[in-house]
Amino acid sequence: MYTLLVVDDEMFTRKGIIKKVPTEPDGISEVLEARDGKEGLAIAQYSPVDIVLSDVRMPRMDGIKMCQEIRRLYPDCVIIFLSGYSDKEYLRSAISMQALQYIDKPVDTGALQEALSQAVSYCNEIRYSRKFVREANRKRLARLLLSSPPSNGQLAVALSESGHTYEDFRDSLTVIFQFLPGPDASDEKLGFHDTLEQCQEMISEIIRNKHLPFLITDYRENHLILHFLSTPDRMVSSFSRAFWENLMREISEKTAAYPHFVSIGPIVSSPEEIYRSYNAAAINLQTLFYTGINSISFADEMPTDSYSMSQELLDAIKQTIHNGEQEKCFRMLKELEESFRSHPGTLISNTKENFYRLLSWLISYVKNKTGSDVLDTENYLWELISSANTLDELISFTRNYISLSFDAMQSGREASVSVLIKNTIIDNYQNPDLDIQFLSDRLNLSVSYLSFLFKQETGSTINHYMNEYRIWKAKELLVNTNRKIADISDAVGFANQNYFAKTFKKLAGCSPSVYRDLHVEG
């Protein structure tokens, strides 16, 4: 299947290596040999090679120069260098060759065969991943078109490598999917990169089923960018606005488990203008802060009006808190919410600054009334506010904070969200439905608010604490009972036994059965 070229000016070394080369139909099927770099290059010029095993220092042409020339002929060729101790400095110039291996002389049979086995594996990957090369070029093209008009030469190369033509972009539009981090984004099972990959696969499948030409790529850590293209018989502009809205809604419903925004850019008439469609969609994203999670918007709907909380309203809210009028305070907070929601042109930073004004005052006021910071949030209030992805989240934890502040002022003691969460977990750890949403519903506090404050107060995530407590209870059952491991998994609230075993091993350092053997006498 693959051709190996062995190049070494020492005949006995060269012949010895060739005898040790394992030849087989699915691996190295042909072995060529040369006495030096010049002869090796000549052979490669008339006989394609897949793997080169070459000495470094040779007369007439050294191995590095030869491999540089062979790489121009065969860019995917795998290179393995042979070198003696005295060649170490010489090899520094070979770094740019990206050689697969450097084998020391005298050549050890095991090292040689291991290097050749790796080379064959690499060749297999190259051969079987050819279909992905064009996809990588398509992603590269998709990114190239986002920032500014590329040069004609740069664009021509990118189009050619991706299999597209200029005509494909004579009528196109760009859509941005912005995915938002979950409440426990630091938890490994919520890996954001994995989320983007899963969503990209789901989105691509839906669009392919519609027989629509498109490019898709990830961008700026949490964005998926879609370019919809024309075909000779069907222009992007021939589809109605309702078509694009329904398509985006179908995709949004499919990816609803992963919070996101969808912003649809305007139609443009050439690849050089795609960045305009992208920029318009990117600017429009900010309006979706006010409409909520999984919302969809067209960039041409971008409003310009803005709103800012007046000093009079701020003073009125302060007065309700001073008077202990909690329900009236909440009604005024609702009015404030509606004012911001009806002015989606307001900069998000300005909106958050308005809420910061209110909550920073509230912290000081409650501290004076109770003698302590109610939720110990004074030092990271702005971080808490900045973490809000939507106006809904901002309103939710503002309402939660006001509610807990009223409770603290009435009871005269400090509240602690982390203690409430821990107690609820302890009381419900056997329930397989116990998760962050369960805690949110039980404590009447938003998911984002719970997650943020628990992390700030404890340095850990809710999921991590929940798993730690359940595994701790599992350890007790393993040591003190004869119950089956499957029963113990159920007893501590794990709906999936495999996930229980994986979590147990991660936290305890061994499997449940090994733990029992180590801690149960006799």
Protein backbone atom coordinates (compact mmCIF):
# COMPACT_ATOMS: atom_id res chain seq x y z
CA MET A 1 0.00 0.00 0.00
CA TYR A 2 2.79 2.45 0.94
CA THR A 3 6.27 2.98 -0.51
CA LEU A 4 9.26 3.43 1.80
CA LEU A 5 12.47 5.10 0.67
CA VAL A 6 15.57 4.22 2.75
CA VAL A 7 18.50 6.62 2.29
CA ASP A 8 21.89 6.08 3.96
CA ASP A 9 25.45 6.35 2.66
CA GLU A 10 26.57 3.40 4.81
CA MET A 11 25.69 0.33 2.75
CA PHE A 12 25.66 -2.17 5.62
CA THR A 13 23.43 0.08 7.70
CA ARG A 14 21.07 0.60 4.75
CA LYS A 15 20.85 -3.09 3.90
CA GLY A 16 20.41 -4.01 7.56
CA ILE A 17 17.49 -1.59 7.88
CA ILE A 18 15.79 -2.93 4.76
CA LYS A 19 15.95 -6.49 6.14
CA LYS A 20 14.18 -5.33 9.29
CA VAL A 21 11.35 -3.54 7.47
CA PRO A 22 8.07 -5.46 7.91
CA THR A 23 6.37 -5.56 4.50
CA GLU A 24 2.71 -6.44 4.22
CA PRO A 25 -0.20 -5.64 1.87
CA ASP A 26 -1.87 -3.23 4.32
CA GLY A 27 1.34 -1.47 5.34
CA ILE A 28 4.67 -0.99 3.59
CA SER A 29 4.44 -2.89 0.31
CA GLU A 30 7.52 -1.55 -1.49
CA VAL A 31 10.99 -0.52 -0.30
CA LEU A 32 13.32 1.69 -2.36
CA GLU A 33 16.90 2.56 -1.43
CA ALA A 34 19.44 5.29 -2.18
CA ARG A 35 23.10 5.93 -1.30
CA ASP A 36 22.74 9.65 -0.55
CA GLY A 37 20.36 12.59 -0.71
CA LYS A 38 20.95 13.36 -4.37
CA GLU A 39 20.14 9.81 -5.43
CA GLY A 40 17.19 9.68 -3.06
CA LEU A 41 15.70 12.84 -4.58
CA ALA A 42 16.17 11.46 -8.09
CA ILE A 43 14.30 8.29 -7.15
CA ALA A 44 11.46 10.29 -5.57
CA GLN A 45 11.11 12.39 -8.71
CA TYR A 46 10.07 9.40 -10.81
CA SER A 47 8.65 7.09 -8.13
CA PRO A 48 6.17 8.53 -5.57
CA VAL A 49 7.11 7.78 -1.96
CA ASP A 50 4.94 7.82 1.17
CA ILE A 51 7.60 7.35 3.88
CA VAL A 52 11.24 8.45 3.90
CA LEU A 53 13.74 6.91 6.35
CA SER A 54 16.92 8.93 5.94
CA ASP A 55 20.31 9.51 7.49
CA VAL A 56 20.98 13.16 8.33
CA ARG A 57 24.62 13.65 7.35
CA MET A 58 25.53 12.33 3.86
CA PRO A 59 27.83 13.39 0.96
CA ARG A 60 26.61 15.35 -2.08
CA MET A 61 23.23 16.16 -0.49
CA ASP A 62 22.33 15.75 3.18
CA GLY A 63 19.10 14.21 4.39
CA ILE A 64 17.52 17.48 5.46
CA LYS A 65 17.96 19.16 2.08
CA MET A 66 16.69 16.03 0.30
CA CYS A 67 13.59 15.81 2.51
CA GLN A 68 12.83 19.49 1.94
CA GLU A 69 12.76 18.83 -1.81
CA ILE A 70 10.75 15.62 -1.44
CA ARG A 71 8.22 17.46 0.73
CA ARG A 72 7.67 19.90 -2.15
CA LEU A 73 6.77 16.91 -4.32
CA TYR A 74 4.74 15.05 -1.71
CA PRO A 75 3.53 17.37 1.11
CA ASP A 76 2.03 14.47 3.11
CA CYS A 77 5.17 12.36 2.97
CA VAL A 78 6.18 10.98 6.41
CA ILE A 79 9.81 11.61 7.39
CA ILE A 80 11.90 9.62 9.86
CA PHE A 81 15.51 10.74 10.47
CA LEU A 82 18.43 8.55 11.53
CA SER A 83 21.08 10.31 13.59
CA GLY A 84 24.22 9.67 15.56
CA TYR A 85 25.09 11.51 18.77
CA SER A 86 27.24 14.03 16.88
CA ASP A 87 24.25 15.01 14.72
CA LYS A 88 22.18 16.51 17.57
CA GLU A 89 23.07 20.13 16.76
CA TYR A 90 22.62 19.37 13.07
CA LEU A 91 19.06 18.17 13.69
CA ARG A 92 17.94 21.54 15.01
CA SER A 93 17.62 22.73 11.44
CA ALA A 94 15.25 19.80 10.78
CA ILE A 95 12.60 21.01 13.21
CA SER A 96 10.69 22.75 10.42
CA MET A 97 10.47 19.43 8.58
CA GLN A 98 8.13 18.12 11.30
CA ALA A 99 9.73 14.70 11.18
CA LEU A 100 7.67 11.93 12.73
CA GLN A 101 10.62 10.34 14.57
CA TYR A 102 14.36 10.67 15.19
CA ILE A 103 15.98 7.22 15.59
CA ASP A 104 19.41 7.00 17.14
CA LYS A 105 22.23 5.02 15.57
CA PRO A 106 23.04 2.19 15.87
CA VAL A 107 19.47 1.36 14.88
CA ASP A 108 17.50 -0.71 17.38
CA THR A 109 15.09 -3.15 15.69
CA GLY A 110 12.26 -2.41 18.12
CA ALA A 111 12.62 1.36 17.74
CA LEU A 112 12.72 1.05 13.95
CA GLN A 113 9.62 -1.10 13.71
CA GLU A 114 7.74 1.12 16.18
CA ALA A 115 8.62 4.20 14.10
CA LEU A 116 7.53 2.51 10.87
CA SER A 117 4.29 1.34 12.52
CA GLN A 118 3.56 4.94 13.54
CA ALA A 119 4.37 6.10 10.01
CA VAL A 120 1.90 3.61 8.51
CA SER A 121 -0.77 4.70 11.00
CA TYR A 122 -0.16 8.31 10.06
CA CYS A 123 -0.43 7.49 6.34
CA ASN A 124 -3.70 5.68 7.03
CA GLU A 125 -5.06 8.73 8.83
CA ILE A 126 -4.06 10.96 5.93
CA ARG A 127 -5.60 8.64 3.37
CA TYR A 128 -8.85 8.12 5.23
CA SER A 129 -9.23 11.76 6.22
CA ARG A 130 -8.99 13.24 2.73
CA LYS A 131 -12.69 13.94 2.82
CA PHE A 132 -12.17 16.11 5.90
CA VAL A 133 -9.52 18.27 4.25
CA ARG A 134 -12.07 20.04 2.11
CA GLU A 135 -14.25 20.56 5.19
CA ALA A 136 -11.32 22.20 6.97
CA ASN A 137 -10.80 24.45 3.94
CA ARG A 138 -14.49 25.30 3.97
CA LYS A 139 -14.21 26.36 7.61
CA ARG A 140 -11.13 28.40 6.79
CA LEU A 141 -13.03 30.15 4.01
CA ALA A 142 -15.99 30.77 6.32
CA ARG A 143 -13.71 32.51 8.84
CA LEU A 144 -11.80 34.42 6.16
CA LEU A 145 -15.00 36.12 5.02
CA LEU A 146 -15.93 37.46 8.47
CA SER A 147 -13.54 40.30 9.28
CA SER A 148 -13.07 42.43 6.16
CA PRO A 149 -12.95 42.01 2.36
CA PRO A 150 -10.08 39.59 1.58
CA SER A 151 -7.68 40.34 -1.25
CA ASN A 152 -8.60 38.91 -4.65
CA GLY A 153 -5.69 36.48 -4.55
CA GLN A 154 -6.45 35.32 -1.02
CA LEU A 155 -10.13 34.87 -1.84
CA ALA A 156 -9.41 32.98 -5.07
CA VAL A 157 -7.15 30.49 -3.27
CA ALA A 158 -9.64 29.97 -0.43
CA LEU A 159 -12.52 29.44 -2.86
CA SER A 160 -10.52 26.94 -4.91
CA GLU A 161 -9.35 24.95 -1.88
CA SER A 162 -12.89 24.73 -0.50
CA GLY A 163 -14.45 23.64 -3.78
CA HIS A 164 -16.52 26.82 -4.15
CA THR A 165 -16.70 29.49 -6.83
CA TYR A 166 -17.31 33.21 -6.69
CA GLU A 167 -20.78 32.62 -8.14
CA ASP A 168 -21.85 30.61 -5.08
CA PHE A 169 -21.72 33.84 -3.05
CA ARG A 170 -23.49 36.16 -5.47
CA ASP A 171 -26.51 36.00 -3.15
CA SER A 172 -25.93 34.92 0.47
CA LEU A 173 -26.64 35.68 4.10
CA THR A 174 -24.93 35.00 7.41
CA VAL A 175 -26.51 33.68 10.62
CA ILE A 176 -24.88 33.67 14.07
CA PHE A 177 -25.72 31.13 16.75
CA GLN A 178 -24.34 32.39 20.06
CA PHE A 179 -24.30 29.63 22.68
CA LEU A 180 -24.27 30.62 26.33
CA PRO A 181 -22.41 28.88 29.14
CA GLY A 182 -24.52 26.72 31.43
CA PRO A 183 -25.01 27.39 35.15
CA ASP A 184 -22.11 25.08 36.05
CA ALA A 185 -19.89 25.87 33.07
CA SER A 186 -16.81 24.76 34.99
CA ASP A 187 -18.18 21.24 35.37
CA GLU A 188 -16.30 18.95 32.99
CA LYS A 189 -19.41 17.19 31.73
CA LEU A 190 -20.65 20.54 30.44
CA GLY A 191 -17.53 21.06 28.32
CA PHE A 192 -18.28 24.02 26.08
CA HIS A 193 -16.21 22.75 23.17
CA ASP A 194 -18.21 19.51 23.15
CA THR A 195 -21.42 21.52 23.23
CA LEU A 196 -20.43 23.46 20.11
CA GLU A 197 -19.48 20.27 18.29
CA GLN A 198 -22.79 18.60 19.13
CA CYS A 199 -24.77 21.65 18.07
CA GLN A 200 -22.78 21.98 14.85
CA GLU A 201 -23.62 18.39 13.95
CA MET A 202 -27.33 18.88 14.70
CA ILE A 203 -27.52 22.15 12.75
CA SER A 204 -25.64 20.72 9.77
CA GLU A 205 -27.92 17.69 9.60
CA ILE A 206 -31.08 19.83 9.50
CA ILE A 207 -29.72 22.08 6.75
CA ARG A 208 -28.43 19.19 4.64
CA ASN A 209 -31.89 17.62 4.82
CA LYS A 210 -33.26 20.87 3.35
CA HIS A 211 -30.76 20.56 0.47
CA LEU A 212 -29.40 24.03 1.11
CA PRO A 213 -25.75 24.84 0.32
CA PHE A 214 -23.96 26.33 3.33
CA LEU A 215 -20.69 26.85 5.17
CA ILE A 216 -20.45 26.45 8.93
CA THR A 217 -17.65 27.14 11.37
CA ASP A 218 -17.06 27.85 15.05
CA TYR A 219 -15.86 31.35 15.90
CA ARG A 220 -14.98 33.41 18.99
CA GLU A 221 -15.27 30.45 21.41
CA ASN A 222 -19.07 30.42 21.65
CA HIS A 223 -20.32 31.30 18.14
CA LEU A 224 -21.33 29.07 15.27
CA ILE A 225 -21.38 30.96 11.98
CA LEU A 226 -23.54 29.88 9.03
CA HIS A 227 -23.21 31.24 5.50
CA PHE A 228 -26.15 30.28 3.27
CA LEU A 229 -25.23 30.20 -0.43
CA SER A 230 -27.01 30.27 -3.76
CA THR A 231 -27.16 27.61 -6.49
CA PRO A 232 -27.48 28.25 -10.25
CA ASP A 233 -31.21 27.67 -10.08
CA ARG A 234 -32.06 28.96 -6.60
CA MET A 235 -31.03 32.28 -5.07
CA VAL A 236 -30.96 32.89 -1.33
CA SER A 237 -33.12 35.98 -1.87
CA SER A 238 -35.84 33.82 -3.44
CA PHE A 239 -36.72 32.43 -0.01
CA SER A 240 -39.20 34.39 2.05
CA ARG A 241 -38.51 35.92 5.43
CA ALA A 242 -40.93 33.40 6.92
CA PHE A 243 -38.85 30.55 5.46
CA TRP A 244 -35.69 31.72 7.23
CA GLU A 245 -37.52 32.33 10.48
CA ASN A 246 -39.14 28.88 10.40
CA LEU A 247 -35.82 27.21 9.54
CA MET A 248 -34.06 28.97 12.42
CA ARG A 249 -36.91 28.08 14.75
CA GLU A 250 -36.63 24.41 13.76
CA ILE A 251 -32.89 24.50 14.46
CA SER A 252 -33.43 26.40 17.71
CA GLU A 253 -35.91 23.80 18.94
CA LYS A 254 -33.46 21.02 18.08
CA THR A 255 -30.69 22.72 20.08
CA ALA A 256 -32.96 24.06 22.84
CA ALA A 257 -31.08 22.09 25.51
CA TYR A 258 -28.12 24.42 24.93
CA PRO A 259 -29.10 28.06 25.68
CA HIS A 260 -28.45 30.29 22.68
CA PHE A 261 -29.37 33.33 20.61
CA VAL A 262 -29.92 33.39 16.84
CA SER A 263 -29.22 36.53 14.81
CA ILE A 264 -29.92 36.60 11.04
CA GLY A 265 -27.88 39.03 8.94
CA PRO A 266 -29.03 40.79 5.75
CA ILE A 267 -28.59 39.32 2.26
CA VAL A 268 -25.43 40.44 0.41
CA SER A 269 -24.43 40.06 -3.23
CA SER A 270 -20.76 39.01 -3.16
CA PRO A 271 -18.22 37.24 -0.94
CA GLU A 272 -16.47 40.57 -0.30
CA GLU A 273 -19.65 41.82 1.40
CA ILE A 274 -20.27 38.86 3.70
CA TYR A 275 -18.49 40.63 6.55
CA ARG A 276 -21.25 43.27 6.39
CA SER A 277 -23.91 40.60 6.90
CA TYR A 278 -21.88 39.13 9.78
CA ASN A 279 -21.25 42.51 11.44
CA ALA A 280 -24.94 43.41 11.26
CA ALA A 281 -25.89 40.06 12.81
CA ALA A 282 -23.22 40.48 15.53
CA ILE A 283 -24.47 43.96 16.48
CA ASN A 284 -28.04 42.68 16.49
CA LEU A 285 -27.13 39.97 19.02
CA GLN A 286 -27.18 42.51 21.83
CA THR A 287 -30.92 43.07 21.41
CA LEU A 288 -31.55 39.41 22.24
CA PHE A 289 -30.41 40.10 25.81
CA TYR A 290 -33.86 41.67 26.23
CA THR A 291 -35.94 39.04 24.43
CA GLY A 292 -34.53 36.01 26.27
CA ILE A 293 -32.90 32.62 25.82
CA ASN A 294 -33.31 30.82 22.46
CA SER A 295 -34.76 33.91 20.77
CA ILE A 296 -34.39 34.72 17.06
CA SER A 297 -34.02 38.12 15.44
CA PHE A 298 -33.33 39.66 12.02
CA ALA A 299 -30.57 42.26 11.92
CA ASP A 300 -32.73 44.73 10.00
CA GLU A 301 -34.97 44.98 13.08
CA MET A 302 -32.17 46.55 15.12
CA PRO A 303 -33.77 49.29 17.31
CA THR A 304 -31.96 52.47 18.29
CA ASP A 305 -34.01 53.72 21.23
CA SER A 306 -32.58 53.34 24.73
CA TYR A 307 -33.65 53.63 28.35
CA SER A 308 -32.01 54.48 31.67
CA MET A 309 -33.48 54.25 35.16
CA SER A 310 -34.24 57.75 36.45
CA GLN A 311 -33.11 58.97 39.84
CA GLU A 312 -36.78 59.47 40.74
CA LEU A 313 -37.56 55.78 40.12
CA LEU A 314 -34.45 54.65 42.00
CA ASP A 315 -35.48 56.83 44.96
CA ALA A 316 -39.02 55.41 44.84
CA ILE A 317 -37.70 51.82 44.96
CA LYS A 318 -35.41 52.75 47.87
CA GLN A 319 -38.42 54.17 49.71
CA THR A 320 -40.39 50.91 49.36
CA ILE A 321 -37.45 49.01 50.85
CA HIS A 322 -37.11 51.53 53.68
CA ASN A 323 -40.86 51.18 54.39
CA GLY A 324 -40.71 47.39 54.28
CA GLU A 325 -43.16 47.28 51.33
CA GLN A 326 -41.87 44.16 49.60
CA GLU A 327 -44.78 43.58 47.20
CA LYS A 328 -44.79 47.23 46.12
CA CYS A 329 -41.04 46.99 45.56
CA PHE A 330 -41.57 43.96 43.32
CA ARG A 331 -44.26 45.79 41.34
CA MET A 332 -41.85 48.65 40.71
CA LEU A 333 -39.15 46.16 39.71
CA LYS A 334 -41.63 44.71 37.19
CA GLU A 335 -42.21 48.18 35.76
CA LEU A 336 -38.46 48.65 35.48
CA GLU A 337 -38.18 45.32 33.65
CA GLU A 338 -40.89 46.30 31.16
CA SER A 339 -39.21 49.63 30.49
CA PHE A 340 -35.90 47.96 29.60
CA ARG A 341 -37.60 45.22 27.59
CA SER A 342 -39.45 47.77 25.47
CA HIS A 343 -36.14 49.55 24.68
CA PRO A 344 -33.89 46.75 23.30
CA GLY A 345 -31.60 49.35 21.75
CA THR A 346 -30.20 50.08 25.21
CA LEU A 347 -26.59 49.01 25.57
CA ILE A 348 -26.36 45.93 27.79
CA SER A 349 -23.57 47.51 29.80
CA ASN A 350 -25.79 50.52 30.58
CA THR A 351 -28.61 48.26 31.72
CA LYS A 352 -26.29 46.34 34.03
CA GLU A 353 -24.89 49.57 35.44
CA ASN A 354 -28.45 50.62 36.34
CA PHE A 355 -28.99 47.43 38.31
CA TYR A 356 -25.58 47.80 39.91
CA ARG A 357 -26.63 51.22 41.21
CA LEU A 358 -29.71 49.70 42.81
CA LEU A 359 -28.07 46.62 44.32
CA SER A 360 -24.93 48.36 45.58
CA TRP A 361 -27.19 50.76 47.48
CA LEU A 362 -29.20 47.82 48.81
CA ILE A 363 -26.06 46.10 50.09
CA SER A 364 -25.05 49.19 52.04
CA TYR A 365 -28.56 49.72 53.36
CA VAL A 366 -28.98 46.14 54.58
CA LYS A 367 -25.50 46.13 56.09
CA ASN A 368 -26.44 49.18 58.16
CA LYS A 369 -29.70 47.54 59.21
CA THR A 370 -28.32 44.09 60.07
CA GLY A 371 -24.65 44.78 60.74
CA SER A 372 -23.47 42.39 58.01
CA ASP A 373 -23.45 41.85 54.24
CA VAL A 374 -26.56 39.73 53.72
CA LEU A 375 -25.07 37.44 51.07
CA ASP A 376 -21.42 38.43 51.29
CA THR A 377 -21.62 39.76 47.73
CA GLU A 378 -20.22 43.26 48.16
CA ASN A 379 -16.82 42.38 46.72
CA TYR A 380 -18.14 40.60 43.63
CA LEU A 381 -21.45 42.32 42.95
CA TRP A 382 -20.34 43.57 39.55
CA GLU A 383 -19.10 40.09 38.60
CA LEU A 384 -22.50 38.70 39.56
CA ILE A 385 -24.31 41.29 37.45
CA SER A 386 -21.92 40.87 34.52
CA SER A 387 -22.59 37.12 34.45
CA ALA A 388 -26.23 37.66 33.43
CA ASN A 389 -26.82 36.51 29.84
CA THR A 390 -30.33 37.95 29.61
CA LEU A 391 -32.54 40.57 31.20
CA ASP A 392 -34.57 37.65 32.62
CA GLU A 393 -31.53 36.49 34.60
CA LEU A 394 -30.75 40.03 35.73
CA ILE A 395 -34.29 40.57 36.98
CA SER A 396 -34.42 37.11 38.57
CA PHE A 397 -31.39 37.45 40.80
CA THR A 398 -32.25 41.09 41.57
CA ARG A 399 -35.64 39.88 42.79
CA ASN A 400 -33.98 37.03 44.69
CA TYR A 401 -31.54 39.41 46.33
CA ILE A 402 -34.28 41.84 47.36
CA SER A 403 -36.35 38.97 48.75
CA LEU A 404 -33.47 37.56 50.81
CA SER A 405 -32.58 41.06 51.99
CA PHE A 406 -36.12 41.60 53.28
CA ASP A 407 -35.95 38.23 55.05
CA ALA A 408 -32.62 39.13 56.63
CA MET A 409 -33.83 42.52 57.81
CA GLN A 410 -36.99 41.02 59.29
CA SER A 411 -35.18 38.16 61.05
CA GLY A 412 -32.14 40.21 62.00
CA ARG A 413 -29.70 37.54 60.84
CA GLU A 414 -27.62 36.86 57.76
CA ALA A 415 -28.86 34.52 55.05
CA SER A 416 -26.60 32.04 53.25
CA VAL A 417 -27.51 30.57 49.90
CA SER A 418 -24.85 27.86 50.13
CA VAL A 419 -26.24 26.58 53.44
CA LEU A 420 -29.75 26.46 51.98
CA ILE A 421 -28.45 24.52 48.97
CA LYS A 422 -26.41 22.07 51.05
CA ASN A 423 -29.32 21.36 53.39
CA THR A 424 -31.63 20.73 50.45
CA ILE A 425 -29.11 18.34 48.89
CA ILE A 426 -28.70 16.47 52.19
CA ASP A 427 -32.48 16.11 52.51
CA ASN A 428 -32.97 14.96 48.91
CA TYR A 429 -29.75 13.18 47.84
CA GLN A 430 -31.63 9.87 47.34
CA ASN A 431 -33.91 11.46 44.75
CA PRO A 432 -32.63 10.77 41.20
CA ASP A 433 -34.38 13.97 40.05
CA LEU A 434 -32.18 16.10 42.31
CA ASP A 435 -30.28 18.56 40.10
CA ILE A 436 -29.75 22.31 39.82
CA GLN A 437 -33.23 22.84 38.39
CA PHE A 438 -34.73 20.88 41.31
CA LEU A 439 -32.90 23.17 43.74
CA SER A 440 -34.04 26.23 41.81
CA ASP A 441 -37.68 25.16 42.01
CA ARG A 442 -37.44 24.15 45.68
CA LEU A 443 -35.67 27.31 46.87
CA ASN A 444 -37.49 29.67 44.48
CA LEU A 445 -34.16 31.10 43.28
CA SER A 446 -32.95 31.22 39.69
CA VAL A 447 -30.51 28.60 38.39
CA SER A 448 -27.86 31.15 37.43
CA TYR A 449 -28.17 32.94 40.78
CA LEU A 450 -27.84 29.69 42.75
CA SER A 451 -24.84 28.51 40.75
CA PHE A 452 -22.97 31.80 40.89
CA LEU A 453 -23.42 32.41 44.62
CA PHE A 454 -22.66 28.81 45.60
CA LYS A 455 -19.40 28.98 43.65
CA GLN A 456 -18.49 32.31 45.26
CA GLU A 457 -19.31 31.14 48.79
CA THR A 458 -17.76 27.64 48.59
CA GLY A 459 -15.29 27.69 45.71
CA SER A 460 -17.02 24.61 44.28
CA THR A 461 -19.87 23.94 41.86
CA ILE A 462 -23.25 22.62 42.95
CA ASN A 463 -22.86 19.49 40.82
CA HIS A 464 -19.49 18.74 42.40
CA TYR A 465 -20.83 19.10 45.95
CA MET A 466 -23.87 16.99 45.07
CA ASN A 467 -21.68 14.19 43.70
CA GLU A 468 -19.29 14.40 46.67
CA TYR A 469 -22.14 14.02 49.16
CA ARG A 470 -23.73 11.13 47.27
CA ILE A 471 -20.39 9.29 47.00
CA TRP A 472 -19.76 9.87 50.71
CA LYS A 473 -23.12 8.22 51.50
CA ALA A 474 -22.28 5.42 49.05
CA LYS A 475 -19.02 4.75 50.91
CA GLU A 476 -20.99 4.34 54.15
CA LEU A 477 -23.30 1.79 52.52
CA LEU A 478 -20.41 -0.11 50.92
CA VAL A 479 -18.64 -0.50 54.27
CA ASN A 480 -21.64 -1.02 56.58
CA THR A 481 -24.01 -3.12 54.44
CA ASN A 482 -23.94 -6.10 52.09
CA ARG A 483 -26.14 -4.41 49.53
CA LYS A 484 -25.31 -4.85 45.86
CA ILE A 485 -23.47 -2.01 44.17
CA ALA A 486 -26.41 -1.47 41.79
CA ASP A 487 -28.72 -1.07 44.79
CA ILE A 488 -26.33 1.38 46.43
CA SER A 489 -26.19 3.39 43.21
CA ASP A 490 -29.98 3.70 43.30
CA ALA A 491 -29.99 4.42 47.04
CA VAL A 492 -27.79 7.50 46.70
CA GLY A 493 -29.72 8.96 43.79
CA PHE A 494 -27.78 7.87 40.68
CA ALA A 495 -30.17 6.93 37.91
CA ASN A 496 -27.32 5.48 35.83
CA GLN A 497 -25.07 2.81 37.36
CA ASN A 498 -22.24 3.44 34.87
CA TYR A 499 -22.21 7.13 35.75
CA PHE A 500 -22.18 6.18 39.44
CA ALA A 501 -19.14 3.93 38.93
CA LYS A 502 -17.33 6.59 36.89
CA THR A 503 -18.06 9.31 39.46
CA PHE A 504 -17.09 7.07 42.37
CA LYS A 505 -13.74 6.21 40.82
CA LYS A 506 -13.04 9.85 40.05
CA LEU A 507 -13.73 11.01 43.62
CA ALA A 508 -12.57 7.97 45.60
CA GLY A 509 -9.65 6.91 43.42
CA CYS A 510 -10.91 3.36 42.92
CA SER A 511 -14.04 1.45 41.90
CA PRO A 512 -16.86 0.76 44.42
CA SER A 513 -15.97 -2.94 44.60
CA VAL A 514 -12.29 -2.24 45.27
CA TYR A 515 -13.24 0.33 47.92
CA ARG A 516 -15.40 -2.25 49.69
CA ASP A 517 -12.59 -4.83 49.57
CA LEU A 518 -10.12 -2.34 51.04
CA HIS A 519 -12.36 -1.15 53.89
CA VAL A 520 -14.32 -4.23 54.93
CA GLU A 521 -12.46 -6.63 57.24
CA GLY A 522 -12.61 -10.36 56.62
